[in-house]
Each structure stands twice: as structure tokens, then as C-alpha cells.
Amino acid sequence: SPPAALMSVLATQELLLENILECIPVGEFAVIQPLSDEFCLVLGYLLTWKLTLAFFKAASSQLRVLYSQYLRRTKSLNKLLYHLFRLMPENPVFSGPTSEIPNKDTKTFFTEELHLDVK
């Protein structure tokens, strides 16, 4: 099965996110203020998923089967999709420095690379 510590963290974060997002129906999106406690929880959850997918990618085919069974049994993929659909803004405009240049194509979070700096 997947690394126990990682799966334990993921399960805890799923509960925390459900508490934050439970009143928001799928189809509407939550507004999470940057650098708020909720923002840090959401970022931690998404980074945990990024690490989980990295483990999945690096695993042997036999381990991938076990990972898949675990994620299916815990409904973690279903939860991820529900959370993503409630977190994704309707118009994900990128507010980086390139969005201020006139006559440029609109930048979105889907077209721009996000750089995370740990300080």
C-alpha cells in the first residue's frame, strides 16, 4: 500500500478541506484569501496530492495496482475532484506581472507555470 504516513496526512487533510468547503455546492467556487489559514490548508492538501502522484509515477506496476486499490477504497480521487471543482474559479485569470501588459493574450492558471518558493 502507499506510504502510511503520506496516506495518513492525506486523510487528515481531506477532513479539514471538507470542513472548509462543505457548505459550497459543486458548480460554485470558494474564495480562499491568500495566506489565510484556509489557504495554507488547501495548499498543503494539493501539495500532498502532488507528492502522492509522484509516488504513483515512480512505483512499479505492482505497487500502482495497490495504490489504485487504496485510492479507490478510500474514495480519495472522488474527494479530490469534488474539492477541485469547488476551488477552481470560473475565470482563472493569472494576476502575475505578465497580465499587466496591454494587448497581450489573457493569462490563466492553466497557461502559466506557478513557481513556489519556500522561505
Protein backbone atom coordinates (compact mmCIF):
# COMPACT_ATOMS: atom_id res chain seq x y z
CA SER A 1 0.00 0.00 0.00
CA PRO A 2 1.10 3.64 -0.33
CA PRO A 3 3.40 5.06 2.34
CA ALA A 4 1.34 5.03 5.53
CA ALA A 5 2.47 8.47 6.76
CA LEU A 6 1.55 10.11 3.44
CA MET A 7 -1.88 8.46 3.37
CA SER A 8 -2.50 9.47 6.99
CA VAL A 9 -1.69 13.10 6.15
CA LEU A 10 -3.94 12.93 3.09
CA ALA A 11 -6.85 11.52 5.12
CA THR A 12 -6.49 14.27 7.74
CA GLN A 13 -6.34 16.98 5.08
CA GLU A 14 -9.42 15.58 3.33
CA LEU A 15 -11.38 16.03 6.55
CA LEU A 16 -10.08 19.57 7.04
CA LEU A 17 -10.96 20.56 3.48
CA GLU A 18 -14.41 19.04 3.78
CA ASN A 19 -14.97 21.20 6.87
CA ILE A 20 -13.92 24.30 4.94
CA LEU A 21 -15.83 23.52 1.73
CA GLU A 22 -18.87 21.57 2.96
CA CYS A 23 -21.33 24.46 2.51
CA ILE A 24 -20.22 25.14 -1.08
CA PRO A 25 -22.02 23.09 -3.72
CA VAL A 26 -20.11 21.72 -6.70
CA GLY A 27 -20.51 24.25 -9.50
CA GLU A 28 -19.85 27.21 -7.22
CA PHE A 29 -16.37 28.08 -6.08
CA ALA A 30 -14.89 29.00 -2.74
CA VAL A 31 -12.99 32.24 -2.39
CA ILE A 32 -9.86 31.49 -0.36
CA GLN A 33 -7.93 34.54 0.79
CA PRO A 34 -4.17 34.32 0.10
CA LEU A 35 -2.03 33.49 3.13
CA SER A 36 -5.07 32.73 5.32
CA ASP A 37 -5.25 29.55 7.40
CA GLU A 38 -7.63 28.10 4.80
CA PHE A 39 -5.19 28.96 2.02
CA CYS A 40 -2.38 27.11 3.83
CA LEU A 41 -4.62 24.06 4.36
CA VAL A 42 -5.68 23.98 0.71
CA LEU A 43 -2.09 24.41 -0.48
CA GLY A 44 -0.93 21.64 1.86
CA TYR A 45 -3.67 19.34 0.54
CA LEU A 46 -2.77 20.00 -3.09
CA LEU A 47 0.96 19.56 -2.44
CA THR A 48 0.21 16.26 -0.66
CA TRP A 49 -1.64 15.13 -3.79
CA LYS A 50 1.33 16.21 -5.92
CA LEU A 51 3.60 14.05 -3.74
CA THR A 52 1.12 11.14 -3.90
CA LEU A 53 1.10 11.32 -7.70
CA ALA A 54 4.92 11.44 -7.73
CA PHE A 55 4.98 8.23 -5.64
CA PHE A 56 2.46 6.70 -8.04
CA LYS A 57 4.51 7.64 -11.10
CA ALA A 58 7.74 6.25 -9.61
CA ALA A 59 6.16 3.00 -8.39
CA SER A 60 6.37 -0.38 -10.06
CA SER A 61 3.28 -1.66 -11.86
CA GLN A 62 2.51 -3.98 -8.92
CA LEU A 63 2.66 -1.09 -6.46
CA ARG A 64 0.50 1.05 -8.75
CA VAL A 65 -2.22 -1.58 -8.51
CA LEU A 66 -2.07 -1.40 -4.71
CA TYR A 67 -2.07 2.42 -4.77
CA SER A 68 -5.08 2.41 -7.11
CA GLN A 69 -6.97 -0.03 -4.90
CA TYR A 70 -6.25 2.07 -1.83
CA LEU A 71 -7.33 5.34 -3.50
CA ARG A 72 -10.49 3.67 -4.81
CA ARG A 73 -11.33 2.12 -1.43
CA THR A 74 -10.87 5.43 0.44
CA LYS A 75 -12.66 7.39 -2.34
CA SER A 76 -9.74 9.83 -2.26
CA LEU A 77 -9.90 10.54 -6.01
CA ASN A 78 -13.62 11.34 -5.75
CA LYS A 79 -12.87 13.71 -2.87
CA LEU A 80 -10.05 15.36 -4.83
CA LEU A 81 -12.37 16.07 -7.77
CA TYR A 82 -15.09 17.47 -5.52
CA HIS A 83 -12.54 19.72 -3.82
CA LEU A 84 -11.02 20.86 -7.12
CA PHE A 85 -14.42 21.71 -8.60
CA ARG A 86 -15.18 23.85 -5.55
CA LEU A 87 -11.77 25.54 -5.56
CA MET A 88 -11.41 26.26 -9.27
CA PRO A 89 -12.58 29.78 -10.14
CA GLU A 90 -14.94 30.25 -13.05
CA ASN A 91 -12.40 32.52 -14.76
CA PRO A 92 -8.90 31.56 -13.57
CA VAL A 93 -7.12 34.75 -14.69
CA PHE A 94 -3.45 34.85 -13.75
CA SER A 95 -2.58 38.03 -11.84
CA GLY A 96 1.17 37.83 -12.34
CA PRO A 97 3.32 40.55 -13.91
CA THR A 98 2.54 39.41 -17.49
CA SER A 99 -1.19 40.14 -17.05
CA GLU A 100 -0.45 43.87 -16.79
CA ILE A 101 0.99 44.13 -20.30
CA PRO A 102 -1.62 45.62 -22.66
CA ASN A 103 -2.55 43.85 -25.92
CA LYS A 104 -1.28 40.51 -24.65
CA ASP A 105 -3.28 37.31 -24.57
CA THR A 106 -5.07 36.76 -21.28
CA LYS A 107 -3.00 34.59 -19.00
CA THR A 108 -4.68 31.95 -16.86
CA PHE A 109 -3.52 29.50 -14.24
CA PHE A 110 -3.72 26.87 -16.97
CA THR A 111 -1.27 28.65 -19.30
CA GLU A 112 1.28 29.95 -16.80
CA GLU A 113 3.74 27.97 -14.71
CA LEU A 114 3.45 28.51 -10.96
CA HIS A 115 6.71 28.90 -9.05
CA LEU A 116 6.60 28.06 -5.35
CA ASP A 117 9.42 29.46 -3.23
CA VAL A 118 9.83 28.01 0.24
CA LYS A 119 11.24 30.60 2.62
